[in-house]
Every structure is written in structure tokens, then in C-alpha cells.
Amino acid sequence: MVKNGTDVTIFISAATSFDGFDKCTDSEEKKEDKLSADYLNLAIIKDWQDLLKAHEADYHQYFNRVSFQLGESTGTLILFYLQIKDC
């Protein structure tokens, strides 16, 4: 319970034992509970600003890779559509 607080940071950690389609997760040594606990222990010692920066860097690595511009709108596409519609 938090009383008279101004900020709260909630940590959630998850892991899976999946290690590839060709591996048996029951007999392999990859333990998801230990992995999850290790991730959590690494996170809780960091400041939230540092966690946010690391998260953004990781996110941008995958989702800010491509950009494109369509140029300025001239209304040509709308006019073209209206001409086809009237045919």
C-alpha cells in the first residue's frame, strides 16, 4: 500500500522457456522462473529515468527504422477519384 506518495513504479518481469522450435522445453536447462527473477533483479536497482531511456532505445531500434514522406498534397488524388467515380 502506498500512502502520501507522489510516484509509484511497478515492475513486471516475464520470461519463457521457449528456446527454439527444435528444442524440448521440458528437458532443456532454460528455467523461465530464474530468468524472470534475474530480469527483475536487474531492473529494480535502476532509476526509472534510466529504465525509460533503455526502453525507448530498445523500442526505437525496432519501430523507428523506416520513414517515408508522400510529399505535399495537391488535391490531384481527390480530383482523380472524383473523375473515376463520375464515369
N, C-alpha and C. Protein backbone atom coordinates (compact mmCIF):
# COMPACT_ATOMS: atom_id res chain seq x y z
N MET A 1 0.84 -1.16 0.00
CA MET A 1 0.00 0.00 0.00
C MET A 1 0.89 1.23 0.00
N VAL A 2 0.55 2.19 -0.81
CA VAL A 2 1.29 3.45 -0.88
C VAL A 2 0.43 4.53 -0.25
N LYS A 3 1.01 5.25 0.68
CA LYS A 3 0.30 6.36 1.31
C LYS A 3 1.12 7.62 1.14
N ASN A 4 0.44 8.69 0.81
CA ASN A 4 1.07 10.00 0.66
C ASN A 4 2.22 10.01 -0.35
N GLY A 5 2.15 9.13 -1.30
CA GLY A 5 3.20 9.06 -2.31
C GLY A 5 2.86 9.95 -3.50
N THR A 6 3.87 10.30 -4.25
CA THR A 6 3.65 11.07 -5.47
C THR A 6 3.97 10.24 -6.71
N ASP A 7 4.78 9.21 -6.57
CA ASP A 7 5.16 8.35 -7.68
C ASP A 7 5.17 6.90 -7.24
N VAL A 8 4.83 6.03 -8.17
CA VAL A 8 4.92 4.60 -7.92
C VAL A 8 5.49 3.96 -9.18
N THR A 9 6.44 3.09 -9.01
CA THR A 9 6.97 2.32 -10.12
C THR A 9 6.62 0.87 -9.89
N ILE A 10 5.95 0.27 -10.85
CA ILE A 10 5.56 -1.13 -10.75
C ILE A 10 6.43 -1.91 -11.73
N PHE A 11 7.08 -2.92 -11.24
CA PHE A 11 7.94 -3.76 -12.07
C PHE A 11 7.23 -5.07 -12.37
N ILE A 12 7.21 -5.43 -13.63
CA ILE A 12 6.65 -6.70 -14.07
C ILE A 12 7.72 -7.39 -14.90
N SER A 13 7.99 -8.62 -14.58
CA SER A 13 9.01 -9.37 -15.29
C SER A 13 8.40 -10.67 -15.79
N ALA A 14 8.76 -11.04 -16.99
CA ALA A 14 8.25 -12.29 -17.57
C ALA A 14 9.34 -12.93 -18.41
N ALA A 15 9.27 -14.22 -18.51
CA ALA A 15 10.22 -14.97 -19.33
C ALA A 15 9.54 -16.24 -19.79
N THR A 16 10.11 -16.86 -20.78
CA THR A 16 9.58 -18.13 -21.29
C THR A 16 10.72 -19.12 -21.43
N SER A 17 10.37 -20.38 -21.40
CA SER A 17 11.38 -21.42 -21.57
C SER A 17 11.58 -21.75 -23.05
N PHE A 18 10.85 -21.10 -23.93
CA PHE A 18 11.00 -21.36 -25.36
C PHE A 18 12.41 -21.01 -25.80
N ASP A 19 13.05 -21.96 -26.46
CA ASP A 19 14.42 -21.75 -26.91
C ASP A 19 14.61 -22.20 -28.35
N GLY A 20 13.50 -22.25 -29.07
CA GLY A 20 13.56 -22.66 -30.46
C GLY A 20 12.58 -23.79 -30.73
N PHE A 21 12.14 -23.85 -31.95
CA PHE A 21 11.13 -24.84 -32.32
C PHE A 21 11.66 -26.27 -32.22
N ASP A 22 12.96 -26.42 -32.30
CA ASP A 22 13.55 -27.76 -32.34
C ASP A 22 14.07 -28.24 -30.99
N LYS A 23 13.71 -27.54 -29.93
CA LYS A 23 14.18 -27.91 -28.59
C LYS A 23 12.99 -28.31 -27.72
N CYS A 24 13.21 -29.24 -26.85
CA CYS A 24 12.17 -29.66 -25.90
C CYS A 24 12.29 -28.79 -24.66
N THR A 25 11.27 -27.99 -24.40
CA THR A 25 11.35 -27.06 -23.28
C THR A 25 11.30 -27.75 -21.93
N ASP A 26 10.78 -28.97 -21.86
CA ASP A 26 10.72 -29.68 -20.59
C ASP A 26 12.08 -30.23 -20.17
N SER A 27 12.89 -30.64 -21.14
CA SER A 27 14.16 -31.27 -20.79
C SER A 27 15.36 -30.34 -20.89
N GLU A 28 15.17 -29.15 -21.46
CA GLU A 28 16.28 -28.22 -21.60
C GLU A 28 16.55 -27.52 -20.27
N GLU A 29 17.68 -26.86 -20.18
CA GLU A 29 18.10 -26.22 -18.94
C GLU A 29 17.60 -24.79 -18.78
N LYS A 30 16.86 -24.28 -19.72
CA LYS A 30 16.39 -22.90 -19.64
C LYS A 30 15.22 -22.82 -18.66
N LYS A 31 15.41 -22.13 -17.56
CA LYS A 31 14.41 -22.04 -16.50
C LYS A 31 13.79 -20.65 -16.51
N GLU A 32 12.53 -20.58 -16.92
CA GLU A 32 11.87 -19.28 -17.06
C GLU A 32 11.69 -18.56 -15.73
N ASP A 33 11.50 -19.28 -14.63
CA ASP A 33 11.33 -18.60 -13.35
C ASP A 33 12.60 -17.91 -12.90
N LYS A 34 13.76 -18.54 -13.13
CA LYS A 34 15.04 -17.90 -12.79
C LYS A 34 15.32 -16.72 -13.71
N LEU A 35 15.05 -16.89 -15.01
CA LEU A 35 15.24 -15.79 -15.95
C LEU A 35 14.40 -14.58 -15.56
N SER A 36 13.16 -14.81 -15.23
CA SER A 36 12.25 -13.73 -14.85
C SER A 36 12.75 -13.02 -13.59
N ALA A 37 13.17 -13.80 -12.61
CA ALA A 37 13.70 -13.21 -11.37
C ALA A 37 14.97 -12.41 -11.64
N ASP A 38 15.83 -12.93 -12.51
CA ASP A 38 17.07 -12.21 -12.85
C ASP A 38 16.77 -10.88 -13.54
N TYR A 39 15.81 -10.89 -14.49
CA TYR A 39 15.43 -9.65 -15.16
C TYR A 39 14.91 -8.63 -14.16
N LEU A 40 14.09 -9.10 -13.24
CA LEU A 40 13.51 -8.22 -12.23
C LEU A 40 14.58 -7.65 -11.32
N ASN A 41 15.50 -8.48 -10.89
CA ASN A 41 16.57 -8.01 -10.00
C ASN A 41 17.47 -6.99 -10.68
N LEU A 42 17.67 -7.13 -11.97
CA LEU A 42 18.45 -6.13 -12.70
C LEU A 42 17.69 -4.82 -12.85
N ALA A 43 16.39 -4.90 -12.99
CA ALA A 43 15.58 -3.69 -13.21
C ALA A 43 15.40 -2.87 -11.93
N ILE A 44 15.18 -3.53 -10.82
CA ILE A 44 14.83 -2.79 -9.59
C ILE A 44 15.99 -1.96 -9.03
N ILE A 45 17.20 -2.20 -9.48
CA ILE A 45 18.33 -1.41 -8.98
C ILE A 45 18.57 -0.16 -9.81
N LYS A 46 17.79 0.00 -10.89
CA LYS A 46 17.97 1.14 -11.77
C LYS A 46 16.95 2.23 -11.49
N ASP A 47 17.33 3.44 -11.78
CA ASP A 47 16.44 4.59 -11.66
C ASP A 47 15.42 4.53 -12.80
N TRP A 48 14.20 5.02 -12.56
CA TRP A 48 13.16 4.91 -13.58
C TRP A 48 13.50 5.69 -14.85
N GLN A 49 14.23 6.80 -14.71
CA GLN A 49 14.63 7.55 -15.91
C GLN A 49 15.56 6.72 -16.78
N ASP A 50 16.47 5.99 -16.14
CA ASP A 50 17.39 5.12 -16.89
C ASP A 50 16.63 3.97 -17.54
N LEU A 51 15.65 3.43 -16.83
CA LEU A 51 14.84 2.36 -17.41
C LEU A 51 14.06 2.87 -18.62
N LEU A 52 13.52 4.08 -18.52
CA LEU A 52 12.78 4.66 -19.63
C LEU A 52 13.69 4.87 -20.84
N LYS A 53 14.88 5.40 -20.62
CA LYS A 53 15.83 5.60 -21.73
C LYS A 53 16.18 4.28 -22.39
N ALA A 54 16.43 3.25 -21.59
CA ALA A 54 16.77 1.93 -22.14
C ALA A 54 15.59 1.36 -22.92
N HIS A 55 14.40 1.52 -22.38
CA HIS A 55 13.20 1.04 -23.07
C HIS A 55 13.00 1.75 -24.41
N GLU A 56 13.14 3.06 -24.41
CA GLU A 56 12.97 3.82 -25.65
C GLU A 56 14.01 3.44 -26.68
N ALA A 57 15.25 3.24 -26.26
CA ALA A 57 16.31 2.85 -27.19
C ALA A 57 15.99 1.48 -27.79
N ASP A 58 15.53 0.56 -26.97
CA ASP A 58 15.17 -0.77 -27.44
C ASP A 58 13.98 -0.70 -28.39
N TYR A 59 12.97 0.06 -28.02
CA TYR A 59 11.77 0.22 -28.84
C TYR A 59 12.10 0.85 -30.19
N HIS A 60 12.85 1.93 -30.17
CA HIS A 60 13.17 2.64 -31.40
C HIS A 60 14.03 1.81 -32.35
N GLN A 61 14.79 0.91 -31.79
CA GLN A 61 15.62 0.02 -32.61
C GLN A 61 14.74 -0.80 -33.56
N TYR A 62 13.55 -1.15 -33.11
CA TYR A 62 12.67 -1.98 -33.93
C TYR A 62 11.59 -1.19 -34.66
N PHE A 63 11.13 -0.08 -34.08
CA PHE A 63 9.96 0.59 -34.61
C PHE A 63 10.22 1.95 -35.24
N ASN A 64 11.41 2.46 -35.16
CA ASN A 64 11.72 3.73 -35.81
C ASN A 64 12.79 3.54 -36.89
N ARG A 65 12.69 2.45 -37.61
CA ARG A 65 13.70 2.14 -38.62
C ARG A 65 13.38 2.73 -39.99
N VAL A 66 12.11 2.99 -40.23
CA VAL A 66 11.69 3.39 -41.57
C VAL A 66 10.85 4.65 -41.48
N SER A 67 11.05 5.53 -42.42
CA SER A 67 10.18 6.69 -42.53
C SER A 67 9.99 6.99 -44.01
N PHE A 68 8.89 7.59 -44.33
CA PHE A 68 8.65 7.99 -45.70
C PHE A 68 7.75 9.20 -45.73
N GLN A 69 7.85 9.94 -46.80
CA GLN A 69 7.02 11.12 -46.99
C GLN A 69 6.32 10.99 -48.32
N LEU A 70 5.08 11.39 -48.34
CA LEU A 70 4.31 11.34 -49.58
C LEU A 70 4.36 12.64 -50.34
N GLY A 71 5.01 13.62 -49.78
CA GLY A 71 5.09 14.92 -50.44
C GLY A 71 3.91 15.79 -50.06
N GLU A 72 3.86 16.93 -50.67
CA GLU A 72 2.78 17.86 -50.38
C GLU A 72 1.51 17.44 -51.11
N SER A 73 0.40 17.64 -50.46
CA SER A 73 -0.89 17.32 -51.07
C SER A 73 -1.26 18.40 -52.08
N THR A 74 -1.61 17.96 -53.28
CA THR A 74 -2.01 18.92 -54.32
C THR A 74 -3.48 18.79 -54.66
N GLY A 75 -4.13 17.81 -54.07
CA GLY A 75 -5.53 17.60 -54.38
C GLY A 75 -5.73 16.78 -55.64
N THR A 76 -4.66 16.38 -56.31
CA THR A 76 -4.76 15.63 -57.56
C THR A 76 -5.44 14.28 -57.35
N LEU A 77 -5.11 13.61 -56.25
CA LEU A 77 -5.69 12.30 -56.00
C LEU A 77 -7.21 12.41 -55.81
N ILE A 78 -7.65 13.41 -55.10
CA ILE A 78 -9.08 13.61 -54.89
C ILE A 78 -9.77 13.90 -56.22
N LEU A 79 -9.20 14.73 -57.03
CA LEU A 79 -9.76 15.05 -58.34
C LEU A 79 -9.81 13.80 -59.21
N PHE A 80 -8.76 13.00 -59.17
CA PHE A 80 -8.70 11.76 -59.94
C PHE A 80 -9.82 10.82 -59.50
N TYR A 81 -10.03 10.69 -58.20
CA TYR A 81 -11.09 9.84 -57.66
C TYR A 81 -12.46 10.33 -58.13
N LEU A 82 -12.67 11.61 -58.07
CA LEU A 82 -13.97 12.16 -58.49
C LEU A 82 -14.21 11.93 -59.97
N GLN A 83 -13.15 12.00 -60.77
CA GLN A 83 -13.33 11.76 -62.20
C GLN A 83 -13.68 10.30 -62.48
N ILE A 84 -13.05 9.38 -61.76
CA ILE A 84 -13.36 7.97 -61.96
C ILE A 84 -14.79 7.66 -61.49
N LYS A 85 -15.16 8.23 -60.38
CA LYS A 85 -16.49 7.98 -59.82
C LYS A 85 -17.59 8.45 -60.77
N ASP A 86 -17.35 9.51 -61.49
CA ASP A 86 -18.36 10.06 -62.41
C ASP A 86 -18.46 9.26 -63.70
N CYS A 87 -17.52 8.40 -63.99
CA CYS A 87 -17.53 7.67 -65.27
C CYS A 87 -18.70 6.71 -65.38
